[in-house]
Amino acid sequence: KLIELKHEHRDLDQVIERLLERQPVD
């Protein structure tokens, strides 16, 4: 479960970064 959660946490980092690059920011 810890491995899965860490993976999801890392994926969210990437999604947040991509979201911030798009204009307008949601």
PDB file of all heavy atoms in Angstrom:
ATOM      1  N   LYS A   1       0.836  -1.203   0.000  1.00  0.00           N
ATOM      2  CA  LYS A   1       0.000   0.000   0.000  1.00  0.00           C
ATOM      3  C   LYS A   1       0.872   1.254   0.000  1.00  0.00           C
ATOM      4  O   LYS A   1       0.574   2.222  -0.702  1.00  0.00           O
ATOM      5  CB  LYS A   1      -0.913  -0.026   1.237  1.00  0.00           C
ATOM      6  CG  LYS A   1      -1.852   1.116   1.333  1.00  0.00           C
ATOM      7  CD  LYS A   1      -2.949   0.997   0.308  1.00  0.00           C
ATOM      8  CE  LYS A   1      -3.979   2.091   0.522  1.00  0.00           C
ATOM      9  NZ  LYS A   1      -4.980   2.101  -0.523  1.00  0.00           N
ATOM     10  N   LEU A   2       1.959   1.220   0.754  1.00  0.00           N
ATOM     11  CA  LEU A   2       2.884   2.348   0.827  1.00  0.00           C
ATOM     12  C   LEU A   2       3.490   2.642  -0.548  1.00  0.00           C
ATOM     13  O   LEU A   2       3.559   3.801  -0.966  1.00  0.00           O
ATOM     14  CB  LEU A   2       3.987   2.043   1.843  1.00  0.00           C
ATOM     15  CG  LEU A   2       4.968   3.143   2.154  1.00  0.00           C
ATOM     16  CD1 LEU A   2       4.279   4.362   2.748  1.00  0.00           C
ATOM     17  CD2 LEU A   2       6.028   2.632   3.116  1.00  0.00           C
ATOM     18  N   ILE A   3       3.867   1.623  -1.249  1.00  0.00           N
ATOM     19  CA  ILE A   3       4.435   1.782  -2.593  1.00  0.00           C
ATOM     20  C   ILE A   3       3.401   2.411  -3.525  1.00  0.00           C
ATOM     21  O   ILE A   3       3.710   3.339  -4.284  1.00  0.00           O
ATOM     22  CB  ILE A   3       4.934   0.429  -3.141  1.00  0.00           C
ATOM     23  CG1 ILE A   3       6.173  -0.013  -2.370  1.00  0.00           C
ATOM     24  CG2 ILE A   3       5.229   0.528  -4.640  1.00  0.00           C
ATOM     25  CD1 ILE A   3       6.603  -1.433  -2.639  1.00  0.00           C
ATOM     26  N   GLU A   4       2.161   1.927  -3.472  1.00  0.00           N
ATOM     27  CA  GLU A   4       1.101   2.472  -4.313  1.00  0.00           C
ATOM     28  C   GLU A   4       0.849   3.945  -4.007  1.00  0.00           C
ATOM     29  O   GLU A   4       0.702   4.765  -4.924  1.00  0.00           O
ATOM     30  CB  GLU A   4      -0.196   1.690  -4.098  1.00  0.00           C
ATOM     31  CG  GLU A   4      -0.175   0.277  -4.622  1.00  0.00           C
ATOM     32  CD  GLU A   4      -1.420  -0.501  -4.213  1.00  0.00           C
ATOM     33  OE1 GLU A   4      -2.432   0.130  -3.837  1.00  0.00           O
ATOM     34  OE2 GLU A   4      -1.388  -1.740  -4.271  1.00  0.00           O
ATOM     35  N   LEU A   5       0.800   4.278  -2.731  1.00  0.00           N
ATOM     36  CA  LEU A   5       0.523   5.654  -2.333  1.00  0.00           C
ATOM     37  C   LEU A   5       1.656   6.593  -2.748  1.00  0.00           C
ATOM     38  O   LEU A   5       1.416   7.716  -3.195  1.00  0.00           O
ATOM     39  CB  LEU A   5       0.294   5.739  -0.827  1.00  0.00           C
ATOM     40  CG  LEU A   5      -0.982   5.074  -0.317  1.00  0.00           C
ATOM     41  CD1 LEU A   5      -1.005   5.096   1.207  1.00  0.00           C
ATOM     42  CD2 LEU A   5      -2.224   5.721  -0.882  1.00  0.00           C
ATOM     43  N   LYS A   6       2.891   6.137  -2.600  1.00  0.00           N
ATOM     44  CA  LYS A   6       4.032   6.960  -3.009  1.00  0.00           C
ATOM     45  C   LYS A   6       4.020   7.198  -4.517  1.00  0.00           C
ATOM     46  O   LYS A   6       4.339   8.292  -4.987  1.00  0.00           O
ATOM     47  CB  LYS A   6       5.348   6.309  -2.580  1.00  0.00           C
ATOM     48  CG  LYS A   6       5.631   6.464  -1.105  1.00  0.00           C
ATOM     49  CD  LYS A   6       6.969   5.877  -0.740  1.00  0.00           C
ATOM     50  CE  LYS A   6       7.303   6.147   0.719  1.00  0.00           C
ATOM     51  NZ  LYS A   6       8.639   5.656   1.080  1.00  0.00           N
ATOM     52  N   HIS A   7       3.623   6.179  -5.255  1.00  0.00           N
ATOM     53  CA  HIS A   7       3.538   6.303  -6.711  1.00  0.00           C
ATOM     54  C   HIS A   7       2.454   7.323  -7.086  1.00  0.00           C
ATOM     55  O   HIS A   7       2.671   8.195  -7.939  1.00  0.00           O
ATOM     56  CB  HIS A   7       3.243   4.935  -7.334  1.00  0.00           C
ATOM     57  CG  HIS A   7       3.213   4.949  -8.816  1.00  0.00           C
ATOM     58  ND1 HIS A   7       4.349   5.061  -9.583  1.00  0.00           N
ATOM     59  CD2 HIS A   7       2.174   4.895  -9.677  1.00  0.00           C
ATOM     60  CE1 HIS A   7       4.005   5.062 -10.862  1.00  0.00           C
ATOM     61  NE2 HIS A   7       2.691   4.966 -10.944  1.00  0.00           N
ATOM     62  N   GLU A   8       1.304   7.224  -6.449  1.00  0.00           N
ATOM     63  CA  GLU A   8       0.224   8.168  -6.719  1.00  0.00           C
ATOM     64  C   GLU A   8       0.638   9.598  -6.338  1.00  0.00           C
ATOM     65  O   GLU A   8       0.343  10.553  -7.061  1.00  0.00           O
ATOM     66  CB  GLU A   8      -1.035   7.768  -5.953  1.00  0.00           C
ATOM     67  CG  GLU A   8      -2.219   8.645  -6.269  1.00  0.00           C
ATOM     68  CD  GLU A   8      -3.492   8.240  -5.565  1.00  0.00           C
ATOM     69  OE1 GLU A   8      -3.543   7.161  -4.927  1.00  0.00           O
ATOM     70  OE2 GLU A   8      -4.450   9.028  -5.641  1.00  0.00           O
ATOM     71  N   HIS A   9       1.343   9.742  -5.225  1.00  0.00           N
ATOM     72  CA  HIS A   9       1.821  11.048  -4.773  1.00  0.00           C
ATOM     73  C   HIS A   9       2.763  11.662  -5.812  1.00  0.00           C
ATOM     74  O   HIS A   9       2.661  12.841  -6.162  1.00  0.00           O
ATOM     75  CB  HIS A   9       2.523  10.883  -3.423  1.00  0.00           C
ATOM     76  CG  HIS A   9       2.882  12.157  -2.748  1.00  0.00           C
ATOM     77  ND1 HIS A   9       4.116  12.748  -2.911  1.00  0.00           N
ATOM     78  CD2 HIS A   9       2.179  12.947  -1.906  1.00  0.00           C
ATOM     79  CE1 HIS A   9       4.151  13.858  -2.198  1.00  0.00           C
ATOM     80  NE2 HIS A   9       2.990  14.008  -1.572  1.00  0.00           N
ATOM     81  N   ARG A  10       3.653  10.841  -6.347  1.00  0.00           N
ATOM     82  CA  ARG A  10       4.610  11.282  -7.370  1.00  0.00           C
ATOM     83  C   ARG A  10       3.866  11.670  -8.657  1.00  0.00           C
ATOM     84  O   ARG A  10       4.183  12.672  -9.290  1.00  0.00           O
ATOM     85  CB  ARG A  10       5.610  10.156  -7.637  1.00  0.00           C
ATOM     86  CG  ARG A  10       6.918  10.578  -8.191  1.00  0.00           C
ATOM     87  CD  ARG A  10       7.974   9.477  -8.188  1.00  0.00           C
ATOM     88  NE  ARG A  10       7.477   8.117  -8.275  1.00  0.00           N
ATOM     89  CZ  ARG A  10       7.516   7.230  -7.254  1.00  0.00           C
ATOM     90  NH1 ARG A  10       8.038   7.573  -6.096  1.00  0.00           N
ATOM     91  NH2 ARG A  10       7.045   6.012  -7.398  1.00  0.00           N
ATOM     92  N   ASP A  11       2.857  10.870  -9.025  1.00  0.00           N
ATOM     93  CA  ASP A  11       2.061  11.173 -10.216  1.00  0.00           C
ATOM     94  C   ASP A  11       1.325  12.503 -10.067  1.00  0.00           C
ATOM     95  O   ASP A  11       1.222  13.274 -11.018  1.00  0.00           O
ATOM     96  CB  ASP A  11       1.048  10.061 -10.493  1.00  0.00           C
ATOM     97  CG  ASP A  11       1.697   8.794 -11.012  1.00  0.00           C
ATOM     98  OD1 ASP A  11       2.885   8.831 -11.406  1.00  0.00           O
ATOM     99  OD2 ASP A  11       1.002   7.752 -11.025  1.00  0.00           O
ATOM    100  N   LEU A  12       0.822  12.764  -8.871  1.00  0.00           N
ATOM    101  CA  LEU A  12       0.127  14.025  -8.634  1.00  0.00           C
ATOM    102  C   LEU A  12       1.065  15.216  -8.807  1.00  0.00           C
ATOM    103  O   LEU A  12       0.650  16.270  -9.299  1.00  0.00           O
ATOM    104  CB  LEU A  12      -0.493  14.039  -7.239  1.00  0.00           C
ATOM    105  CG  LEU A  12      -1.859  13.392  -7.116  1.00  0.00           C
ATOM    106  CD1 LEU A  12      -2.283  13.349  -5.652  1.00  0.00           C
ATOM    107  CD2 LEU A  12      -2.907  14.087  -7.934  1.00  0.00           C
ATOM    108  N   ASP A  13       2.322  15.047  -8.415  1.00  0.00           N
ATOM    109  CA  ASP A  13       3.322  16.101  -8.632  1.00  0.00           C
ATOM    110  C   ASP A  13       3.380  16.473 -10.116  1.00  0.00           C
ATOM    111  O   ASP A  13       3.371  17.650 -10.474  1.00  0.00           O
ATOM    112  CB  ASP A  13       4.711  15.638  -8.193  1.00  0.00           C
ATOM    113  CG  ASP A  13       5.009  15.923  -6.744  1.00  0.00           C
ATOM    114  OD1 ASP A  13       4.361  16.813  -6.159  1.00  0.00           O
ATOM    115  OD2 ASP A  13       5.910  15.267  -6.195  1.00  0.00           O
ATOM    116  N   GLN A  14       3.441  15.469 -10.954  1.00  0.00           N
ATOM    117  CA  GLN A  14       3.545  15.694 -12.395  1.00  0.00           C
ATOM    118  C   GLN A  14       2.278  16.342 -12.945  1.00  0.00           C
ATOM    119  O   GLN A  14       2.347  17.253 -13.770  1.00  0.00           O
ATOM    120  CB  GLN A  14       3.827  14.377 -13.112  1.00  0.00           C
ATOM    121  CG  GLN A  14       5.179  13.799 -12.761  1.00  0.00           C
ATOM    122  CD  GLN A  14       5.388  12.400 -13.312  1.00  0.00           C
ATOM    123  OE1 GLN A  14       4.467  11.801 -13.873  1.00  0.00           O
ATOM    124  NE2 GLN A  14       6.588  11.868 -13.138  1.00  0.00           N
ATOM    125  N   VAL A  15       1.129  15.886 -12.482  1.00  0.00           N
ATOM    126  CA  VAL A  15      -0.136  16.450 -12.948  1.00  0.00           C
ATOM    127  C   VAL A  15      -0.240  17.923 -12.545  1.00  0.00           C
ATOM    128  O   VAL A  15      -0.650  18.772 -13.348  1.00  0.00           O
ATOM    129  CB  VAL A  15      -1.339  15.644 -12.385  1.00  0.00           C
ATOM    130  CG1 VAL A  15      -2.640  16.350 -12.688  1.00  0.00           C
ATOM    131  CG2 VAL A  15      -1.350  14.229 -12.930  1.00  0.00           C
ATOM    132  N   ILE A  16       0.156  18.224 -11.324  1.00  0.00           N
ATOM    133  CA  ILE A  16       0.108  19.611 -10.841  1.00  0.00           C
ATOM    134  C   ILE A  16       1.051  20.499 -11.660  1.00  0.00           C
ATOM    135  O   ILE A  16       0.689  21.610 -12.048  1.00  0.00           O
ATOM    136  CB  ILE A  16       0.436  19.672  -9.332  1.00  0.00           C
ATOM    137  CG1 ILE A  16      -0.727  19.070  -8.529  1.00  0.00           C
ATOM    138  CG2 ILE A  16       0.729  21.100  -8.887  1.00  0.00           C
ATOM    139  CD1 ILE A  16      -0.442  18.858  -7.060  1.00  0.00           C
ATOM    140  N   GLU A  17       2.236  19.993 -11.962  1.00  0.00           N
ATOM    141  CA  GLU A  17       3.183  20.759 -12.769  1.00  0.00           C
ATOM    142  C   GLU A  17       2.604  21.065 -14.146  1.00  0.00           C
ATOM    143  O   GLU A  17       2.695  22.200 -14.634  1.00  0.00           O
ATOM    144  CB  GLU A  17       4.495  19.994 -12.930  1.00  0.00           C
ATOM    145  CG  GLU A  17       5.389  20.044 -11.720  1.00  0.00           C
ATOM    146  CD  GLU A  17       6.675  19.258 -11.913  1.00  0.00           C
ATOM    147  OE1 GLU A  17       7.158  19.197 -13.069  1.00  0.00           O
ATOM    148  OE2 GLU A  17       7.182  18.714 -10.930  1.00  0.00           O
ATOM    149  N   ARG A  18       2.001  20.065 -14.782  1.00  0.00           N
ATOM    150  CA  ARG A  18       1.407  20.272 -16.106  1.00  0.00           C
ATOM    151  C   ARG A  18       0.240  21.246 -16.050  1.00  0.00           C
ATOM    152  O   ARG A  18       0.059  22.064 -16.944  1.00  0.00           O
ATOM    153  CB  ARG A  18       0.951  18.949 -16.715  1.00  0.00           C
ATOM    154  CG  ARG A  18       2.115  18.183 -17.350  1.00  0.00           C
ATOM    155  CD  ARG A  18       1.629  16.937 -17.939  1.00  0.00           C
ATOM    156  NE  ARG A  18       1.345  16.074 -16.787  1.00  0.00           N
ATOM    157  CZ  ARG A  18       0.997  14.813 -16.843  1.00  0.00           C
ATOM    158  NH1 ARG A  18       0.823  14.224 -17.981  1.00  0.00           N
ATOM    159  NH2 ARG A  18       0.786  14.109 -15.750  1.00  0.00           N
ATOM    160  N   LEU A  19      -0.537  21.152 -15.004  1.00  0.00           N
ATOM    161  CA  LEU A  19      -1.679  22.046 -14.842  1.00  0.00           C
ATOM    162  C   LEU A  19      -1.215  23.498 -14.715  1.00  0.00           C
ATOM    163  O   LEU A  19      -1.834  24.408 -15.263  1.00  0.00           O
ATOM    164  CB  LEU A  19      -2.496  21.630 -13.619  1.00  0.00           C
ATOM    165  CG  LEU A  19      -3.788  22.390 -13.362  1.00  0.00           C
ATOM    166  CD1 LEU A  19      -4.773  22.172 -14.507  1.00  0.00           C
ATOM    167  CD2 LEU A  19      -4.421  21.940 -12.056  1.00  0.00           C
ATOM    168  N   LEU A  20      -0.121  23.704 -14.005  1.00  0.00           N
ATOM    169  CA  LEU A  20       0.406  25.057 -13.816  1.00  0.00           C
ATOM    170  C   LEU A  20       0.993  25.645 -15.106  1.00  0.00           C
ATOM    171  O   LEU A  20       1.049  26.854 -15.270  1.00  0.00           O
ATOM    172  CB  LEU A  20       1.467  25.067 -12.716  1.00  0.00           C
ATOM    173  CG  LEU A  20       0.925  24.914 -11.291  1.00  0.00           C
ATOM    174  CD1 LEU A  20       2.072  24.704 -10.311  1.00  0.00           C
ATOM    175  CD2 LEU A  20       0.089  26.119 -10.899  1.00  0.00           C
ATOM    176  N   GLU A  21       1.408  24.775 -16.022  1.00  0.00           N
ATOM    177  CA  GLU A  21       1.979  25.238 -17.283  1.00  0.00           C
ATOM    178  C   GLU A  21       0.908  25.714 -18.256  1.00  0.00           C
ATOM    179  O   GLU A  21       1.187  26.500 -19.140  1.00  0.00           O
ATOM    180  CB  GLU A  21       2.802  24.119 -17.935  1.00  0.00           C
ATOM    181  CG  GLU A  21       4.060  23.785 -17.167  1.00  0.00           C
ATOM    182  CD  GLU A  21       4.758  22.543 -17.700  1.00  0.00           C
ATOM    183  OE1 GLU A  21       4.207  21.870 -18.596  1.00  0.00           O
ATOM    184  OE2 GLU A  21       5.849  22.237 -17.199  1.00  0.00           O
ATOM    185  N   ARG A  22      -0.304  25.223 -18.099  1.00  0.00           N
ATOM    186  CA  ARG A  22      -1.396  25.592 -19.003  1.00  0.00           C
ATOM    187  C   ARG A  22      -2.019  26.919 -18.585  1.00  0.00           C
ATOM    188  O   ARG A  22      -2.120  27.220 -17.403  1.00  0.00           O
ATOM    189  CB  ARG A  22      -2.491  24.525 -18.998  1.00  0.00           C
ATOM    190  CG  ARG A  22      -2.120  23.278 -19.737  1.00  0.00           C
ATOM    191  CD  ARG A  22      -3.294  22.410 -19.931  1.00  0.00           C
ATOM    192  NE  ARG A  22      -3.872  22.064 -18.622  1.00  0.00           N
ATOM    193  CZ  ARG A  22      -4.919  21.291 -18.463  1.00  0.00           C
ATOM    194  NH1 ARG A  22      -5.526  20.785 -19.491  1.00  0.00           N
ATOM    195  NH2 ARG A  22      -5.376  21.020 -17.260  1.00  0.00           N
ATOM    196  N   GLN A  23      -2.454  27.658 -19.569  1.00  0.00           N
ATOM    197  CA  GLN A  23      -3.153  28.915 -19.302  1.00  0.00           C
ATOM    198  C   GLN A  23      -4.551  28.819 -19.885  1.00  0.00           C
ATOM    199  O   GLN A  23      -4.698  28.318 -20.987  1.00  0.00           O
ATOM    200  CB  GLN A  23      -2.391  30.091 -19.896  1.00  0.00           C
ATOM    201  CG  GLN A  23      -1.046  30.322 -19.258  1.00  0.00           C
ATOM    202  CD  GLN A  23      -1.138  30.667 -17.778  1.00  0.00           C
ATOM    203  OE1 GLN A  23      -2.069  31.325 -17.342  1.00  0.00           O
ATOM    204  NE2 GLN A  23      -0.182  30.197 -17.004  1.00  0.00           N
ATOM    205  N   PRO A  24      -5.561  29.252 -19.245  1.00  0.00           N
ATOM    206  CA  PRO A  24      -5.577  29.745 -17.873  1.00  0.00           C
ATOM    207  C   PRO A  24      -5.502  28.595 -16.876  1.00  0.00           C
ATOM    208  O   PRO A  24      -5.920  27.471 -17.180  1.00  0.00           O
ATOM    209  CB  PRO A  24      -6.928  30.468 -17.760  1.00  0.00           C
ATOM    210  CG  PRO A  24      -7.802  29.752 -18.735  1.00  0.00           C
ATOM    211  CD  PRO A  24      -6.887  29.311 -19.869  1.00  0.00           C
ATOM    212  N   VAL A  25      -4.997  28.868 -15.709  1.00  0.00           N
ATOM    213  CA  VAL A  25      -4.846  27.850 -14.669  1.00  0.00           C
ATOM    214  C   VAL A  25      -6.205  27.612 -14.010  1.00  0.00           C
ATOM    215  O   VAL A  25      -6.901  28.553 -13.647  1.00  0.00           O
ATOM    216  CB  VAL A  25      -3.813  28.296 -13.608  1.00  0.00           C
ATOM    217  CG1 VAL A  25      -3.731  27.305 -12.472  1.00  0.00           C
ATOM    218  CG2 VAL A  25      -2.451  28.484 -14.248  1.00  0.00           C
ATOM    219  N   ASP A  26      -6.560  26.342 -13.897  1.00  0.00           N
ATOM    220  CA  ASP A  26      -7.806  25.967 -13.217  1.00  0.00           C
ATOM    221  C   ASP A  26      -7.495  25.839 -11.727  1.00  0.00           C
ATOM    222  O   ASP A  26      -7.061  24.786 -11.254  1.00  0.00           O
ATOM    223  CB  ASP A  26      -8.340  24.661 -13.788  1.00  0.00           C
ATOM    224  CG  ASP A  26      -9.671  24.246 -13.202  1.00  0.00           C
ATOM    225  OD1 ASP A  26     -10.101  24.831 -12.181  1.00  0.00           O
ATOM    226  OD2 ASP A  26     -10.285  23.310 -13.763  1.00  0.00           O
TER     227      ASP A  26
END
